[in-house]
N, C-alpha and C. Protein backbone atom coordinates (compact mmCIF):
# COMPACT_ATOMS: atom_id res chain seq x y z
N UNK A 1 207.08 53.29 245.23
CA UNK A 1 206.15 52.72 244.75
C UNK A 1 205.33 51.64 245.70
N UNK A 2 204.17 51.98 246.11
CA UNK A 2 203.59 51.00 247.09
C UNK A 2 203.22 49.87 246.67
N UNK A 3 203.47 48.91 247.43
CA UNK A 3 203.14 47.33 246.77
C UNK A 3 201.77 47.52 246.36
N UNK A 4 200.83 47.56 247.10
CA UNK A 4 199.64 47.34 246.49
C UNK A 4 199.27 48.26 245.09
N UNK A 5 200.08 49.31 244.65
CA UNK A 5 199.93 49.82 243.52
C UNK A 5 200.63 49.07 242.50
N UNK A 6 201.87 48.38 242.76
CA UNK A 6 202.60 48.00 242.18
C UNK A 6 202.11 46.47 241.34
N UNK A 7 201.34 45.89 242.49
CA UNK A 7 200.36 44.57 241.87
C UNK A 7 198.91 45.04 241.36
N UNK A 8 198.53 46.02 241.46
CA UNK A 8 197.52 46.41 240.34
C UNK A 8 197.90 46.99 239.29
N UNK A 9 199.04 47.86 238.83
CA UNK A 9 199.56 47.95 237.68
C UNK A 9 199.89 46.51 236.96
N UNK A 10 200.51 45.86 237.88
CA UNK A 10 201.34 44.66 236.96
C UNK A 10 200.04 43.79 236.50
N UNK A 11 199.02 44.10 237.45
CA UNK A 11 197.77 43.10 237.06
C UNK A 11 196.91 43.56 235.46
N UNK A 12 196.89 44.90 235.38
CA UNK A 12 196.23 45.57 234.27
C UNK A 12 197.18 45.36 233.32
N UNK A 13 198.69 45.34 233.21
CA UNK A 13 199.66 45.38 232.44
C UNK A 13 199.46 43.43 231.49
N UNK A 14 199.57 42.96 232.45
CA UNK A 14 199.07 41.56 232.24
C UNK A 14 198.01 41.18 231.52
N UNK A 15 196.84 41.87 231.69
CA UNK A 15 195.38 41.93 231.23
C UNK A 15 195.56 42.50 229.77
N UNK A 16 196.41 43.72 229.79
CA UNK A 16 196.29 44.40 228.34
C UNK A 16 197.15 43.62 227.67
N UNK A 17 198.12 42.74 227.71
CA UNK A 17 198.50 41.97 227.03
C UNK A 17 197.43 40.88 226.06
N UNK A 18 197.06 40.54 227.25
CA UNK A 18 195.78 39.43 226.32
C UNK A 18 194.62 39.95 225.50
N UNK A 19 194.52 41.40 226.28
CA UNK A 19 193.36 41.67 225.71
C UNK A 19 193.98 42.63 224.22
N UNK A 20 195.25 42.71 223.91
CA UNK A 20 195.49 42.96 222.80
C UNK A 20 195.72 42.03 221.94
N UNK A 21 196.19 40.58 222.32
CA UNK A 21 195.93 39.44 221.58
C UNK A 21 194.66 39.27 220.95
N UNK A 22 193.59 39.53 221.85
CA UNK A 22 192.22 39.46 221.29
C UNK A 22 191.56 40.88 220.71
N UNK A 23 192.31 41.47 220.68
CA UNK A 23 191.94 42.79 220.25
C UNK A 23 190.64 43.48 220.73
N UNK A 24 190.73 43.31 222.38
CA UNK A 24 189.46 43.45 222.85
C UNK A 24 189.74 44.63 223.51
N UNK A 25 189.07 45.51 222.50
CA UNK A 25 188.84 47.27 222.84
C UNK A 25 188.27 47.46 224.10
N UNK A 26 187.13 46.94 224.48
CA UNK A 26 186.30 47.24 225.47
C UNK A 26 186.87 46.84 226.79
N UNK A 27 187.93 45.42 226.79
CA UNK A 27 189.00 45.15 228.01
C UNK A 27 189.98 46.29 228.11
N UNK A 28 190.35 46.78 227.02
CA UNK A 28 191.43 47.70 227.29
C UNK A 28 190.89 49.10 227.77
N UNK A 29 189.82 49.33 227.61
CA UNK A 29 189.32 50.42 227.99
C UNK A 29 189.04 50.35 229.58
N UNK A 30 188.69 49.43 229.82
CA UNK A 30 188.13 48.97 231.56
C UNK A 30 189.27 49.02 231.87
N UNK A 31 190.59 48.37 231.59
CA UNK A 31 191.63 48.40 232.23
C UNK A 31 192.48 49.50 232.54
N UNK A 32 192.23 50.69 231.54
CA UNK A 32 192.91 52.04 231.82
C UNK A 32 191.72 52.44 232.78
N UNK A 33 190.47 52.32 232.89
CA UNK A 33 189.86 52.75 234.16
C UNK A 33 190.47 52.47 235.52
N UNK A 34 190.59 51.20 235.53
CA UNK A 34 190.98 50.61 236.81
C UNK A 34 192.21 51.40 237.19
N UNK A 35 192.87 51.41 236.66
CA UNK A 35 194.14 52.08 236.94
C UNK A 35 193.77 54.00 237.35
N UNK A 36 192.96 54.60 237.11
CA UNK A 36 192.28 55.65 237.59
C UNK A 36 192.16 56.02 238.98
N UNK A 37 191.59 54.61 239.52
CA UNK A 37 191.38 54.73 240.68
C UNK A 37 192.20 54.99 241.73
N UNK A 38 193.62 54.19 241.32
CA UNK A 38 194.81 54.23 242.09
C UNK A 38 195.17 55.69 241.66
N UNK A 39 195.19 56.26 240.92
CA UNK A 39 195.70 57.31 240.76
C UNK A 39 195.09 58.78 241.28
N UNK A 40 193.44 58.36 241.10
CA UNK A 40 193.01 59.36 242.32
C UNK A 40 193.45 59.63 243.45
N UNK A 41 193.44 58.28 243.89
CA UNK A 41 193.74 58.06 245.44
C UNK A 41 195.12 58.66 245.91
N UNK A 42 196.21 57.94 245.16
CA UNK A 42 197.43 58.03 245.28
C UNK A 42 198.16 59.23 244.53
N UNK A 43 197.73 59.32 243.43
CA UNK A 43 198.10 60.39 242.72
C UNK A 43 199.86 59.99 242.23
N UNK A 44 199.96 58.96 241.62
CA UNK A 44 201.17 58.64 241.37
C UNK A 44 201.25 58.29 239.91
N UNK A 45 202.51 58.75 239.20
CA UNK A 45 202.42 58.91 238.13
C UNK A 45 202.53 57.67 237.36
N UNK A 46 202.91 56.83 238.21
CA UNK A 46 202.84 55.42 237.08
C UNK A 46 201.85 54.89 236.66
N UNK A 47 200.75 54.91 237.64
CA UNK A 47 199.18 54.82 237.45
C UNK A 47 198.57 55.70 236.45
N UNK A 48 198.54 56.66 236.46
CA UNK A 48 198.30 58.00 235.30
C UNK A 48 199.04 57.22 233.88
N UNK A 49 200.50 57.29 233.71
CA UNK A 49 200.80 56.86 232.48
C UNK A 49 200.49 55.53 231.68
N UNK A 50 200.47 54.62 232.42
CA UNK A 50 199.76 53.41 232.26
C UNK A 50 198.32 53.43 231.82
N UNK A 51 197.49 54.40 232.46
CA UNK A 51 195.89 54.49 232.40
C UNK A 51 196.05 55.24 230.88
N UNK A 52 196.88 56.19 230.23
CA UNK A 52 196.90 56.84 229.45
C UNK A 52 197.17 55.75 228.32
N UNK A 53 198.30 55.04 228.57
CA UNK A 53 198.79 54.55 227.58
C UNK A 53 197.72 52.99 227.12
N UNK A 54 197.30 52.50 228.08
CA UNK A 54 196.20 51.46 227.72
C UNK A 54 195.19 52.25 226.92
N UNK A 55 194.40 53.36 227.26
CA UNK A 55 193.55 53.82 226.82
C UNK A 55 194.01 54.33 225.12
N UNK A 56 195.35 54.95 224.99
CA UNK A 56 195.60 55.03 223.87
C UNK A 56 195.62 53.81 222.94
N UNK A 57 195.86 52.87 223.38
CA UNK A 57 196.03 51.39 222.52
C UNK A 57 194.28 50.97 222.41
N UNK A 58 193.51 51.67 223.22
CA UNK A 58 192.26 50.82 222.95
C UNK A 58 191.82 51.74 222.03
N UNK A 59 192.04 53.23 221.86
CA UNK A 59 191.39 54.14 221.02
C UNK A 59 192.20 53.65 219.33
N UNK A 60 193.43 53.03 219.55
CA UNK A 60 194.00 52.91 218.29
C UNK A 60 193.53 51.34 217.62
N UNK A 61 193.00 50.60 218.15
CA UNK A 61 192.77 49.22 217.88
C UNK A 61 190.83 49.25 217.65
N UNK A 62 190.45 50.68 218.43
CA UNK A 62 189.21 51.03 217.80
C UNK A 62 188.80 51.39 216.62
N UNK A 63 189.83 52.16 215.99
CA UNK A 63 189.77 52.80 214.31
C UNK A 63 189.51 51.41 213.39
N UNK A 64 188.52 51.68 212.67
CA UNK A 64 188.09 50.66 211.76
C UNK A 64 189.09 50.21 210.74
N UNK A 65 189.82 50.99 210.65
CA UNK A 65 191.12 50.43 209.22
C UNK A 65 192.00 50.26 209.78
N UNK A 66 192.41 50.16 210.60
CA UNK A 66 193.74 50.29 211.38
C UNK A 66 194.64 49.45 210.52
N UNK A 67 194.27 48.15 210.25
CA UNK A 67 195.27 47.10 209.49
C UNK A 67 195.22 47.18 208.60
N UNK A 68 194.75 48.53 207.82
CA UNK A 68 195.21 48.76 206.63
C UNK A 68 196.92 49.27 206.38
N UNK A 69 197.40 49.76 207.53
CA UNK A 69 198.73 50.22 207.49
C UNK A 69 199.64 48.87 207.54
N UNK A 70 200.73 49.26 206.39
CA UNK A 70 201.77 47.62 206.44
C UNK A 70 202.41 47.72 207.53
N UNK A 71 202.65 48.70 208.60
CA UNK A 71 203.59 48.27 209.65
C UNK A 71 202.33 47.94 210.77
N UNK A 72 201.07 47.87 210.49
CA UNK A 72 200.25 47.42 211.83
C UNK A 72 200.86 45.99 212.58
N UNK A 73 201.08 45.12 211.95
CA UNK A 73 201.68 43.99 212.52
C UNK A 73 202.86 44.16 213.27
N UNK A 74 203.60 44.70 212.91
CA UNK A 74 204.97 44.89 213.37
C UNK A 74 204.55 45.89 214.79
N UNK A 75 203.77 46.86 214.57
CA UNK A 75 203.14 47.69 215.77
C UNK A 75 202.69 47.19 216.54
N UNK A 76 202.07 45.84 216.61
CA UNK A 76 200.89 45.28 217.63
C UNK A 76 202.09 44.33 218.34
N UNK A 77 203.28 43.78 217.42
CA UNK A 77 204.55 42.80 218.36
C UNK A 77 204.97 43.79 218.99
N UNK A 78 205.30 45.00 218.71
CA UNK A 78 206.10 46.05 219.34
C UNK A 78 205.34 46.26 220.70
N UNK A 79 203.97 46.20 220.78
CA UNK A 79 203.23 46.69 221.70
C UNK A 79 203.24 45.84 222.65
N UNK A 80 203.15 44.74 222.23
CA UNK A 80 203.45 43.54 223.36
C UNK A 80 204.84 43.27 223.74
N UNK A 81 205.55 43.41 223.07
CA UNK A 81 206.90 43.45 223.59
C UNK A 81 207.23 44.55 224.56
N UNK A 82 206.70 45.86 224.67
CA UNK A 82 206.83 47.08 225.36
C UNK A 82 206.44 46.78 226.81
N UNK A 83 205.04 45.88 226.38
CA UNK A 83 204.30 45.64 227.44
C UNK A 83 204.91 44.68 228.71
N UNK A 84 205.54 43.72 227.92
CA UNK A 84 206.12 42.61 228.61
C UNK A 84 207.50 43.01 229.20
N UNK A 85 208.03 44.16 228.41
CA UNK A 85 209.43 44.50 229.19
C UNK A 85 209.27 45.28 230.66
N UNK A 86 207.72 46.27 230.31
CA UNK A 86 207.49 46.76 231.31
C UNK A 86 206.96 45.97 232.51
N UNK A 87 206.50 44.90 232.32
CA UNK A 87 206.20 43.86 233.33
C UNK A 87 207.42 43.08 233.97
N UNK A 88 208.26 42.83 233.19
CA UNK A 88 209.22 42.32 233.70
C UNK A 88 210.08 43.52 234.84
N UNK A 89 210.18 44.40 234.48
CA UNK A 89 210.95 45.56 235.20
C UNK A 89 210.14 46.03 236.44
N UNK A 90 209.04 45.91 236.38
CA UNK A 90 207.75 46.00 237.47
C UNK A 90 208.18 44.92 238.45
N UNK A 91 208.28 43.75 237.73
CA UNK A 91 208.25 42.86 238.66
C UNK A 91 209.45 42.71 239.54
N UNK A 92 210.54 43.04 238.92
CA UNK A 92 211.99 43.15 239.70
C UNK A 92 211.71 44.15 240.61
N UNK A 93 211.17 45.28 240.45
CA UNK A 93 210.93 46.40 240.97
C UNK A 93 212.09 47.72 240.98
N UNK A 94 212.27 47.44 239.31
CA UNK A 94 213.18 48.01 238.96
C UNK A 94 212.66 49.64 238.33
N UNK A 95 212.19 50.56 239.23
CA UNK A 95 211.20 51.53 238.76
C UNK A 95 212.03 52.59 237.70
N UNK A 96 213.21 52.93 237.79
CA UNK A 96 213.95 53.51 236.92
C UNK A 96 213.65 53.03 235.16
N UNK A 97 213.66 51.94 235.51
CA UNK A 97 213.70 51.28 234.04
C UNK A 97 212.34 51.50 233.60
N UNK A 98 211.25 50.61 234.60
CA UNK A 98 209.82 50.86 234.33
C UNK A 98 209.55 52.30 233.59
N UNK A 99 210.17 52.84 234.40
CA UNK A 99 209.70 54.40 234.03
C UNK A 99 210.39 55.16 232.87
N UNK A 100 211.36 54.34 232.39
CA UNK A 100 211.82 54.93 231.29
C UNK A 100 211.22 54.09 229.88
N UNK A 101 210.80 52.73 230.03
CA UNK A 101 210.04 51.89 229.11
C UNK A 101 208.61 52.12 229.12
N UNK A 102 207.99 53.29 229.74
CA UNK A 102 206.62 53.56 229.96
C UNK A 102 207.07 55.23 229.00
N UNK A 103 208.05 55.64 229.01
CA UNK A 103 208.26 57.20 228.45
C UNK A 103 208.51 56.74 226.71
N UNK A 104 209.51 55.53 226.76
CA UNK A 104 209.71 55.16 225.36
C UNK A 104 208.47 54.65 224.66
N UNK A 105 207.78 53.72 225.51
CA UNK A 105 206.46 53.35 224.83
C UNK A 105 205.69 54.60 224.06
N UNK A 106 205.60 55.59 225.08
CA UNK A 106 204.50 56.64 224.69
C UNK A 106 205.10 57.45 223.23
N UNK A 107 206.52 57.41 223.86
CA UNK A 107 207.32 58.17 222.63
C UNK A 107 207.01 57.64 221.47
N UNK A 108 207.44 56.15 221.60
CA UNK A 108 207.23 55.41 219.83
C UNK A 108 206.08 55.36 219.66
N UNK A 109 204.79 55.48 220.19
CA UNK A 109 203.37 55.59 219.58
C UNK A 109 203.67 56.84 218.67
N UNK A 110 204.13 57.61 219.25
CA UNK A 110 204.21 58.76 217.99
C UNK A 110 205.23 58.91 216.89
N UNK A 111 206.05 57.71 216.81
CA UNK A 111 206.67 57.51 215.53
C UNK A 111 206.49 56.43 214.70
N UNK A 112 205.03 55.93 214.73
CA UNK A 112 204.68 55.35 213.73
C UNK A 112 204.66 55.34 212.41
N UNK A 113 203.90 54.89 211.34
CA UNK A 113 203.66 55.02 209.92
C UNK A 113 203.35 56.53 209.68
N UNK A 114 203.76 57.22 208.78
CA UNK A 114 202.95 58.47 208.53
C UNK A 114 201.75 58.46 208.66
N UNK A 115 200.78 57.72 207.71
CA UNK A 115 199.67 57.82 207.82
C UNK A 115 198.84 57.53 209.19
N UNK A 116 199.68 56.75 210.04
CA UNK A 116 199.07 56.69 211.27
C UNK A 116 199.29 57.68 212.37
N UNK A 117 200.71 58.26 212.09
CA UNK A 117 201.27 59.13 213.23
C UNK A 117 200.46 60.17 213.54
N UNK A 118 199.97 60.97 212.71
CA UNK A 118 199.00 61.77 212.71
C UNK A 118 197.72 61.68 213.71
N UNK A 119 197.38 60.44 213.31
CA UNK A 119 196.04 59.89 214.07
C UNK A 119 196.80 59.32 215.82
N UNK A 120 197.81 58.94 216.14
CA UNK A 120 197.99 58.71 217.10
C UNK A 120 198.60 59.95 218.24
N UNK A 121 199.27 60.65 217.73
CA UNK A 121 199.67 62.09 218.09
C UNK A 121 198.23 62.54 218.74
N UNK A 122 197.11 62.61 217.95
CA UNK A 122 196.11 62.73 218.24
C UNK A 122 195.23 62.25 219.38
N UNK A 123 195.18 61.08 218.96
CA UNK A 123 194.35 60.11 220.34
C UNK A 123 195.28 60.08 221.57
N UNK A 124 196.73 60.59 221.59
CA UNK A 124 197.45 60.09 222.88
C UNK A 124 196.85 61.64 223.36
N UNK A 125 196.75 62.72 222.79
CA UNK A 125 196.73 63.96 223.07
C UNK A 125 195.21 64.17 224.03
N UNK A 126 194.25 63.31 223.47
CA UNK A 126 192.89 63.30 223.69
C UNK A 126 192.97 62.25 225.00
N UNK A 127 193.82 61.11 224.89
CA UNK A 127 193.92 60.27 226.07
C UNK A 127 194.25 61.01 227.23
N UNK A 128 195.13 61.88 227.35
CA UNK A 128 195.57 62.62 228.10
C UNK A 128 194.50 63.45 228.93
N UNK A 129 193.90 64.44 228.27
CA UNK A 129 192.55 64.94 228.51
C UNK A 129 191.51 64.07 229.04
N UNK A 130 191.27 63.02 228.52
CA UNK A 130 190.08 62.15 229.06
C UNK A 130 190.33 61.79 230.56
N UNK A 131 191.48 61.24 230.40
CA UNK A 131 192.28 60.56 231.69
C UNK A 131 192.50 61.85 232.92
N UNK A 132 192.48 62.72 232.26
CA UNK A 132 192.72 63.76 233.12
C UNK A 132 191.15 64.38 233.78
N UNK A 133 190.32 64.40 232.63
CA UNK A 133 189.13 64.36 233.45
C UNK A 133 188.24 63.36 234.19
N UNK A 134 188.61 62.47 233.99
CA UNK A 134 188.43 61.18 235.42
C UNK A 134 188.96 61.58 236.27
N UNK A 135 190.29 62.02 236.49
CA UNK A 135 190.91 62.04 237.67
C UNK A 135 190.20 63.26 238.20
N UNK A 136 189.72 64.51 237.78
CA UNK A 136 189.10 65.60 238.24
C UNK A 136 187.71 65.34 238.84
N UNK A 137 186.73 64.39 238.16
CA UNK A 137 185.87 63.63 238.27
C UNK A 137 185.68 62.88 239.80
N UNK A 138 187.03 62.34 240.06
CA UNK A 138 187.19 61.59 241.07
C UNK A 138 187.66 62.80 242.44
N UNK A 139 187.54 63.93 242.25
CA UNK A 139 187.72 65.05 243.27
C UNK A 139 189.08 65.87 243.23
N UNK A 140 190.11 65.28 242.19
CA UNK A 140 191.45 66.29 242.44
C UNK A 140 191.01 67.65 241.24
N UNK A 141 191.53 68.14 241.96
CA UNK A 141 191.29 69.85 241.75
C UNK A 141 191.95 69.84 240.18
N UNK A 142 191.47 70.62 239.14
CA UNK A 142 191.62 70.82 237.72
C UNK A 142 193.47 71.16 237.67
N UNK A 143 193.77 72.02 238.67
CA UNK A 143 195.30 72.33 238.44
C UNK A 143 196.20 71.64 238.72
N UNK A 144 195.48 70.25 239.86
CA UNK A 144 196.60 69.38 240.24
C UNK A 144 196.64 68.45 239.00
N UNK A 145 195.09 67.99 238.48
CA UNK A 145 195.31 67.22 237.52
C UNK A 145 195.72 67.56 236.18
N UNK A 146 195.78 68.52 236.23
CA UNK A 146 196.54 68.93 234.52
C UNK A 146 197.89 69.14 234.89
N UNK A 147 198.47 69.15 236.13
CA UNK A 147 200.11 69.23 236.48
C UNK A 147 200.21 67.53 236.50
N UNK A 148 199.55 66.79 237.19
CA UNK A 148 199.87 65.17 236.79
C UNK A 148 200.03 64.81 235.48
N UNK A 149 199.28 65.31 234.65
CA UNK A 149 199.34 64.80 233.03
C UNK A 149 199.91 65.37 232.29
N UNK A 150 200.54 66.90 232.68
CA UNK A 150 201.28 67.40 231.68
C UNK A 150 200.56 68.30 230.92
N UNK A 151 198.91 68.42 230.91
CA UNK A 151 198.48 69.17 230.09
C UNK A 151 198.03 70.44 230.92
N UNK A 152 197.74 71.72 229.75
CA UNK A 152 197.12 72.68 230.30
C UNK A 152 195.97 72.64 231.26
N UNK A 153 196.01 73.30 232.02
CA UNK A 153 194.44 73.72 233.01
C UNK A 153 193.56 74.26 231.98
N UNK A 154 193.78 74.97 231.02
CA UNK A 154 192.70 75.73 230.43
C UNK A 154 192.13 74.17 229.45
N UNK A 155 193.12 73.72 229.00
CA UNK A 155 192.85 72.48 228.02
C UNK A 155 191.67 71.81 228.93
N UNK A 156 191.75 71.30 229.95
CA UNK A 156 190.94 70.38 230.76
C UNK A 156 189.92 70.70 231.32
N UNK A 157 189.94 72.13 231.48
CA UNK A 157 188.62 73.40 231.91
C UNK A 157 187.47 73.31 230.66
N UNK A 158 188.14 73.39 229.44
CA UNK A 158 187.38 73.29 228.24
C UNK A 158 186.45 71.92 228.16
N UNK A 159 187.31 70.93 228.04
CA UNK A 159 187.07 69.66 228.19
C UNK A 159 185.91 69.41 229.39
N UNK A 160 186.15 69.50 230.32
CA UNK A 160 185.26 69.32 231.55
C UNK A 160 183.78 70.22 231.26
N UNK A 161 183.96 71.48 230.94
CA UNK A 161 182.99 72.34 230.55
C UNK A 161 181.82 71.54 229.26
N UNK A 162 182.59 70.85 228.61
CA UNK A 162 181.94 70.34 227.21
C UNK A 162 181.10 68.99 227.71
N UNK A 163 181.68 68.10 228.91
CA UNK A 163 181.31 66.84 229.14
C UNK A 163 180.34 66.97 230.33
N UNK A 164 180.22 68.23 230.86
CA UNK A 164 179.42 68.58 232.07
C UNK A 164 179.67 67.60 233.30
N UNK A 165 180.79 67.26 233.57
CA UNK A 165 181.62 66.77 234.64
C UNK A 165 181.14 67.66 236.01
N UNK A 166 181.38 68.92 235.79
CA UNK A 166 181.22 69.39 236.92
C UNK A 166 179.51 69.61 237.59
N UNK A 167 178.72 69.57 236.47
CA UNK A 167 177.30 69.36 236.82
C UNK A 167 176.83 67.80 237.34
N UNK A 168 177.75 66.98 237.53
CA UNK A 168 177.10 65.99 238.19
C UNK A 168 176.99 66.03 239.41
N UNK A 169 175.64 65.67 240.22
CA UNK A 169 175.39 65.91 241.62
C UNK A 169 175.84 64.66 242.51
N UNK A 170 176.30 65.22 243.38
CA UNK A 170 177.09 64.29 243.83
C UNK A 170 175.93 63.71 245.37
N UNK A 171 176.40 62.50 245.58
CA UNK A 171 175.59 62.07 247.20
C UNK A 171 173.83 62.33 246.95
N UNK A 172 173.43 62.31 245.68
CA UNK A 172 171.76 62.14 245.73
C UNK A 172 171.32 60.68 246.11
N UNK A 173 170.65 60.64 246.70
CA UNK A 173 169.97 59.48 247.42
C UNK A 173 168.87 59.20 247.39
N UNK A 174 168.19 58.13 247.45
CA UNK A 174 166.84 57.53 247.64
C UNK A 174 165.96 58.31 248.88
N UNK A 175 164.93 59.01 249.01
CA UNK A 175 164.39 59.50 250.12
C UNK A 175 164.31 58.53 251.20
N UNK A 176 164.46 58.98 252.39
CA UNK A 176 164.24 57.71 253.47
C UNK A 176 163.00 57.25 253.54
N UNK A 177 161.88 57.61 253.07
CA UNK A 177 160.95 57.06 253.53
C UNK A 177 160.94 56.00 252.09
N UNK A 178 161.37 56.02 251.02
CA UNK A 178 161.58 54.91 250.01
C UNK A 178 162.56 53.84 250.75
N UNK A 179 163.64 54.32 251.13
CA UNK A 179 164.60 53.36 251.32
C UNK A 179 163.90 52.54 252.30
N UNK A 180 163.24 52.81 253.24
CA UNK A 180 162.65 52.15 254.34
C UNK A 180 161.43 51.14 253.94
N UNK A 181 160.95 51.71 253.22
CA UNK A 181 159.84 50.71 252.26
C UNK A 181 160.51 49.68 251.62
N UNK A 182 161.55 49.98 250.89
CA UNK A 182 162.53 49.27 250.01
C UNK A 182 163.00 47.91 251.08
N UNK A 183 163.62 48.47 252.11
CA UNK A 183 164.04 47.35 252.94
C UNK A 183 163.14 46.54 253.97
N UNK A 184 162.03 46.91 254.13
CA UNK A 184 160.85 46.34 254.52
C UNK A 184 160.25 45.04 253.27
N UNK A 185 160.46 45.75 252.20
CA UNK A 185 160.09 44.49 251.44
C UNK A 185 161.23 43.56 251.28
N UNK A 186 162.68 43.58 251.29
CA UNK A 186 163.70 42.78 251.07
C UNK A 186 163.20 41.78 252.82
N UNK A 187 162.84 42.29 253.54
CA UNK A 187 162.89 41.42 254.78
C UNK A 187 161.57 40.95 255.07
N UNK A 188 160.50 40.91 254.01
CA UNK A 188 159.15 40.47 254.45
C UNK A 188 158.84 39.09 253.80
């Protein structure tokens, strides 16, 4: 793993721990989006896994009645503990253990209390597809994006088709005359 990617992921994980303590949903979503940048440029599975994980946590905290579940407090403590373990392994540059803790964390999310389990599985799947669409939006092909996130290209194509990501016009700029007029106003 490149050093700047490692530092970016460490920064995201540290901020995620603080966001969980504050139940800052918007902050968690922003952190998830930050990792998409590295994922789109370097296409590393660490950034992608962290992005999906943080986005999933944001969606779980976003649920209005999440704390009605008896085990919610333990769930939150476990999330913070796992994130702190991931931080320690990454600080030590112990990538095999870092990878293992990320996989365990994602699997443990699926093993929550029965009432919450179905919701978590659904959120996790939707998080993968959502993050895949963001990667595709950054210019990665649907096939490569689906491969990176372990989803079907058809699922991704269906989602992209519904969100109109493919219809976004690239490089639309202001006409030259308007830019010159604006620039003149700035310097007059």
